[in-house]
Amino acid sequence: MALWTLIGLAKGKATTRWPRKGGNDGQEGLLGMPRYHPDRCTPGCADCAAICPTGAIQAGDGGLAVDYGRCVVCQLCVEACPTGAMAASADWAFGVRQRNDLRWAEPAPEATPSGRSERRGFRRSLHIRHVDAGSCNGCESELQALNNPFYNLHRLGIFFTPSPRFADLLLVTGPVTAAMAAPLRATYDAMPQPRWVMAAGTCAVSGGIAAGGYACGHGLDGVLPVDVYLPGCPPNPAAIIQALLMFLDRAPQQVRGGHIGQ
């Protein structure tokens, strides 16, 4: 008997029960998106906006405008803020259906219809075609972890396919560089109806750190119709799974108007 077979038998089942209640999501100790506390903000202070590398925080006459769709989770705003208005958190489940849900709003908006009927037949069997549209491969490293023994994405009925002709969802990473715009569109056009698109990672959501460069765009908006936005640099495997389950109406959307868990 092979050594690794013996080790596997000795250690038992490695796959987590998450997202079932009591399961381990594998994100213990993770630093997530900075949480914004406007009540702690000092009027006229713009230290966090000045240091943000992607413009996720903008200072204006009405105070700060926070856009989690541009956040690369660098924590520089947390370090620069003198009052704790931008505070470290473990918030990572930022998958949303509407781009505006990643922009801070006060008060948080109500839930919007999810279009459940259209996706009912895909809830237990979803096939994904992934396209790297110019990423740094950070998101790809997290995508690879989805099929490891711990997360085992297949147990949830979600699979990656090498052909767009068998895909239901196009998962895109990267800011959509000039060289990848045409291949990305060709992939989308080859998919059968109904078809959906997921922007995975801050680059795909808004362009990220390279937005507006000589060879980079500002993400998927304006290139393809986007059904799921998931910021992060990169989003962790649990965040990707949560966003996929949210898309399939098997998990709730946790962020609305920049507020998590409300």
Protein backbone atom coordinates (compact mmCIF):
# COMPACT_ATOMS: atom_id res chain seq x y z
CA MET A 1 0.00 0.00 0.00
CA ALA A 2 1.31 3.48 -0.92
CA LEU A 3 2.64 5.68 1.86
CA TRP A 4 0.19 8.50 1.13
CA THR A 5 -2.72 6.05 1.23
CA LEU A 6 -1.64 4.97 4.71
CA ILE A 7 -1.27 8.59 5.82
CA GLY A 8 -4.73 9.40 4.46
CA LEU A 9 -6.31 6.47 6.27
CA ALA A 10 -4.59 7.46 9.49
CA LYS A 11 -5.63 11.11 9.35
CA GLY A 12 -9.20 10.54 8.21
CA LYS A 13 -11.40 12.88 6.21
CA ALA A 14 -9.74 16.22 5.47
CA THR A 15 -12.66 18.05 3.82
CA THR A 16 -14.36 20.75 5.87
CA ARG A 17 -18.09 20.65 6.60
CA TRP A 18 -18.33 24.37 5.89
CA PRO A 19 -20.58 26.04 4.78
CA ARG A 20 -22.68 23.79 6.97
CA LYS A 21 -23.18 25.07 10.49
CA GLY A 22 -20.17 24.41 12.69
CA GLY A 23 -17.81 23.82 9.76
CA ASN A 24 -14.39 25.42 9.54
CA ASP A 25 -14.07 28.00 6.76
CA GLY A 26 -10.27 27.94 7.02
CA GLN A 27 -9.98 31.69 7.52
CA GLU A 28 -9.13 31.89 11.22
CA GLY A 29 -6.87 34.87 11.92
CA LEU A 30 -7.44 36.36 8.47
CA LEU A 31 -7.22 40.13 8.00
CA GLY A 32 -10.20 41.07 5.88
CA MET A 33 -11.53 44.32 4.46
CA PRO A 34 -11.05 47.32 6.75
CA ARG A 35 -14.32 48.21 8.46
CA TYR A 36 -15.45 51.83 8.18
CA HIS A 37 -16.77 53.56 11.31
CA PRO A 38 -17.92 57.04 10.19
CA ASP A 39 -18.86 58.05 13.73
CA ARG A 40 -15.17 57.91 14.67
CA CYS A 41 -14.01 60.05 11.76
CA THR A 42 -12.52 63.47 12.55
CA PRO A 43 -13.96 66.22 10.31
CA GLY A 44 -11.40 67.38 7.80
CA CYS A 45 -9.10 64.41 8.31
CA ALA A 46 -8.15 62.65 5.06
CA ASP A 47 -5.11 60.63 6.12
CA CYS A 48 -6.62 57.35 4.96
CA ALA A 49 -7.64 58.78 1.58
CA ALA A 50 -4.19 60.23 1.01
CA ILE A 51 -2.45 56.90 1.53
CA CYS A 52 -4.91 54.60 -0.29
CA PRO A 53 -3.10 53.29 -3.42
CA THR A 54 -6.24 52.59 -5.47
CA GLY A 55 -8.56 55.46 -4.60
CA ALA A 56 -10.88 53.19 -2.63
CA ILE A 57 -11.23 56.05 -0.13
CA GLN A 58 -12.02 59.52 -1.42
CA ALA A 59 -12.27 62.67 0.71
CA GLY A 60 -14.89 65.26 -0.12
CA ASP A 61 -17.04 68.00 1.40
CA GLY A 62 -19.50 65.39 2.63
CA GLY A 63 -16.85 63.26 4.31
CA LEU A 64 -15.29 60.04 3.10
CA ALA A 65 -16.53 57.97 0.16
CA VAL A 66 -15.51 54.33 0.60
CA ASP A 67 -15.58 51.87 -2.31
CA TYR A 68 -14.75 48.30 -1.33
CA GLY A 69 -14.73 47.38 -5.02
CA ARG A 70 -11.38 49.20 -5.27
CA CYS A 71 -9.91 47.90 -2.00
CA VAL A 72 -6.80 45.70 -2.22
CA VAL A 73 -6.89 44.95 1.53
CA CYS A 74 -3.44 46.46 2.07
CA GLN A 75 -4.39 47.81 5.54
CA LEU A 76 -2.55 51.11 4.92
CA CYS A 77 -5.69 53.06 5.81
CA VAL A 78 -5.92 51.21 9.13
CA GLU A 79 -2.31 52.13 9.92
CA ALA A 80 -2.79 55.78 8.91
CA CYS A 81 -6.13 56.46 10.62
CA PRO A 82 -5.56 58.22 13.97
CA THR A 83 -9.05 57.60 15.37
CA GLY A 84 -9.91 54.03 14.35
CA ALA A 85 -12.47 55.12 11.76
CA MET A 86 -10.84 52.59 9.45
CA ALA A 87 -10.34 49.50 11.61
CA ALA A 88 -8.94 46.04 10.97
CA SER A 89 -11.54 43.28 10.69
CA ALA A 90 -12.03 39.69 9.63
CA ASP A 91 -14.70 40.64 7.06
CA TRP A 92 -14.09 38.66 3.87
CA ALA A 93 -17.47 37.57 2.46
CA PHE A 94 -17.92 40.51 0.06
CA GLY A 95 -19.60 38.83 -2.90
CA VAL A 96 -22.46 41.02 -4.21
CA ARG A 97 -24.85 41.11 -7.16
CA GLN A 98 -24.87 44.88 -7.61
CA ARG A 99 -21.74 47.01 -7.92
CA ASN A 100 -23.24 49.74 -5.72
CA ASP A 101 -23.42 47.34 -2.79
CA LEU A 102 -19.64 47.67 -2.52
CA ARG A 103 -19.92 51.44 -2.07
CA TRP A 104 -20.56 52.76 1.41
CA ALA A 105 -24.08 54.13 1.88
CA GLU A 106 -25.88 55.42 4.95
CA PRO A 107 -28.22 53.84 5.78
CA ALA A 108 -27.62 50.42 4.25
CA PRO A 109 -30.08 49.69 1.40
CA GLU A 110 -32.66 46.95 1.53
CA ALA A 111 -32.15 43.61 -0.19
CA THR A 112 -32.97 43.49 -3.91
CA PRO A 113 -34.52 40.53 -5.78
CA SER A 114 -31.91 37.97 -6.83
CA GLY A 115 -33.47 36.59 -10.00
CA ARG A 116 -33.81 33.17 -8.41
CA SER A 117 -36.12 31.62 -11.02
CA GLU A 118 -33.58 32.04 -13.83
CA ARG A 119 -30.90 30.08 -11.95
CA ARG A 120 -33.04 27.44 -10.28
CA GLY A 121 -31.87 24.67 -12.59
CA PHE A 122 -28.20 25.42 -11.86
CA ARG A 123 -28.29 25.38 -8.06
CA ARG A 124 -26.82 21.88 -7.80
CA SER A 125 -24.71 21.77 -10.95
CA LEU A 126 -22.76 24.82 -12.05
CA HIS A 127 -19.92 24.73 -14.58
CA ILE A 128 -17.34 27.51 -14.64
CA ARG A 129 -14.94 28.68 -17.32
CA HIS A 130 -12.11 30.74 -15.88
CA VAL A 131 -10.30 33.40 -17.93
CA ASP A 132 -7.21 35.22 -16.69
CA ALA A 133 -7.57 38.68 -18.24
CA GLY A 134 -4.18 39.96 -17.13
CA SER A 135 -3.97 39.12 -13.43
CA CYS A 136 -0.80 38.76 -11.33
CA ASN A 137 -1.80 35.10 -10.64
CA GLY A 138 -2.68 35.81 -7.01
CA CYS A 139 -6.34 35.06 -7.70
CA GLU A 140 -5.33 31.94 -9.61
CA SER A 141 -3.49 30.60 -6.56
CA GLU A 142 -6.70 30.93 -4.53
CA LEU A 143 -8.76 29.34 -7.31
CA GLN A 144 -6.45 26.33 -7.32
CA ALA A 145 -7.09 25.88 -3.60
CA LEU A 146 -10.79 25.35 -4.30
CA ASN A 147 -10.06 21.83 -5.52
CA ASN A 148 -7.73 20.83 -2.68
CA PRO A 149 -8.90 18.19 -0.17
CA PHE A 150 -9.94 20.81 2.40
CA TYR A 151 -12.37 22.85 0.27
CA ASN A 152 -13.19 20.17 -2.36
CA LEU A 153 -15.40 22.39 -4.49
CA HIS A 154 -16.90 19.41 -6.34
CA ARG A 155 -18.81 18.34 -3.24
CA LEU A 156 -20.97 21.43 -3.73
CA GLY A 157 -21.81 20.55 -7.33
CA ILE A 158 -19.59 23.29 -8.77
CA PHE A 159 -17.01 22.39 -11.40
CA PHE A 160 -14.46 24.06 -13.66
CA THR A 161 -14.62 23.24 -17.36
CA PRO A 162 -11.92 23.85 -20.01
CA SER A 163 -14.46 24.73 -22.70
CA PRO A 164 -16.75 27.78 -22.76
CA ARG A 165 -19.27 25.72 -24.70
CA PHE A 166 -20.00 23.71 -21.55
CA ALA A 167 -19.85 26.65 -19.13
CA ASP A 168 -22.67 28.39 -17.30
CA LEU A 169 -20.55 31.03 -15.55
CA LEU A 170 -17.54 32.93 -16.86
CA LEU A 171 -15.20 33.71 -13.95
CA VAL A 172 -12.79 36.49 -14.84
CA THR A 173 -9.65 37.59 -13.00
CA GLY A 174 -7.43 40.53 -13.88
CA PRO A 175 -8.14 44.13 -14.97
CA VAL A 176 -8.88 43.14 -18.61
CA THR A 177 -5.75 44.17 -20.44
CA ALA A 178 -5.85 45.38 -24.03
CA ALA A 179 -4.40 42.06 -25.21
CA MET A 180 -7.07 40.02 -23.43
CA ALA A 181 -10.18 42.03 -24.29
CA ALA A 182 -10.88 40.24 -27.59
CA PRO A 183 -10.18 36.68 -26.32
CA LEU A 184 -12.39 37.38 -23.30
CA ARG A 185 -15.25 38.52 -25.48
CA ALA A 186 -14.81 35.49 -27.78
CA THR A 187 -15.02 33.19 -24.76
CA TYR A 188 -18.22 34.86 -23.59
CA ASP A 189 -19.77 34.67 -27.07
CA ALA A 190 -19.01 30.93 -27.21
CA MET A 191 -21.00 30.20 -24.05
CA PRO A 192 -24.56 28.89 -24.38
CA GLN A 193 -27.55 30.74 -22.96
CA PRO A 194 -28.27 31.33 -20.14
CA ARG A 195 -24.79 32.58 -19.22
CA TRP A 196 -23.45 34.66 -16.38
CA VAL A 197 -20.25 36.51 -15.48
CA MET A 198 -18.34 36.81 -12.20
CA ALA A 199 -15.66 39.44 -11.55
CA ALA A 200 -13.27 37.75 -9.11
CA GLY A 201 -10.72 39.96 -7.39
CA THR A 202 -10.41 43.73 -7.15
CA CYS A 203 -8.68 43.92 -10.55
CA ALA A 204 -11.71 42.39 -12.30
CA VAL A 205 -14.12 44.52 -10.26
CA SER A 206 -12.49 47.91 -10.78
CA GLY A 207 -9.01 47.55 -12.30
CA GLY A 208 -7.20 47.33 -8.96
CA ILE A 209 -3.71 48.69 -8.52
CA ALA A 210 -3.10 48.82 -12.29
CA ALA A 211 -6.35 50.54 -13.27
CA GLY A 212 -6.00 52.97 -16.14
CA GLY A 213 -2.45 51.98 -17.03
CA TYR A 214 -1.21 52.03 -20.60
CA ALA A 215 -2.22 48.37 -21.10
CA CYS A 216 -4.94 47.93 -18.45
CA GLY A 217 -8.61 48.70 -18.22
CA HIS A 218 -10.86 49.28 -15.23
CA GLY A 219 -12.20 45.77 -14.82
CA LEU A 220 -15.20 44.09 -16.39
CA ASP A 221 -17.77 46.86 -16.20
CA GLY A 222 -18.36 48.15 -19.71
CA VAL A 223 -16.76 45.05 -21.22
CA LEU A 224 -19.21 42.30 -20.22
CA PRO A 225 -22.43 42.26 -18.17
CA VAL A 226 -21.41 41.29 -14.63
CA ASP A 227 -23.67 39.21 -12.35
CA VAL A 228 -21.35 38.75 -9.35
CA TYR A 229 -18.70 41.10 -7.98
CA LEU A 230 -16.12 39.79 -5.51
CA PRO A 231 -13.31 42.18 -4.50
CA GLY A 232 -10.15 41.14 -2.69
CA CYS A 233 -6.46 41.01 -3.50
CA PRO A 234 -6.85 38.14 -3.79
CA PRO A 235 -10.21 36.89 -2.48
CA ASN A 236 -9.62 33.79 -0.37
CA PRO A 237 -11.09 30.39 -1.32
CA ALA A 238 -13.89 30.67 1.24
CA ALA A 239 -14.87 34.08 -0.17
CA ILE A 240 -15.00 32.63 -3.69
CA ILE A 241 -17.18 29.73 -2.53
CA GLN A 242 -19.47 32.05 -0.57
CA ALA A 243 -19.89 34.29 -3.62
CA LEU A 244 -20.70 31.32 -5.84
CA LEU A 245 -23.25 29.99 -3.37
CA MET A 246 -24.73 33.46 -3.04
CA PHE A 247 -25.07 33.63 -6.81
CA LEU A 248 -26.89 30.29 -6.75
CA ASP A 249 -29.18 31.48 -3.91
CA ARG A 250 -27.72 28.86 -1.59
CA ALA A 251 -26.19 31.47 0.72
CA PRO A 252 -27.25 35.02 1.65
CA GLN A 253 -25.56 38.14 0.35
CA GLN A 254 -23.76 39.54 3.38
CA VAL A 255 -22.83 43.03 2.14
CA ARG A 256 -25.20 45.83 1.16
CA GLY A 257 -24.17 49.42 0.75
CA GLY A 258 -20.74 48.59 2.18
CA HIS A 259 -22.25 47.23 5.40
CA ILE A 260 -21.52 43.62 6.27
CA GLY A 261 -23.91 41.39 8.13
CA GLN A 262 -26.82 43.81 7.97
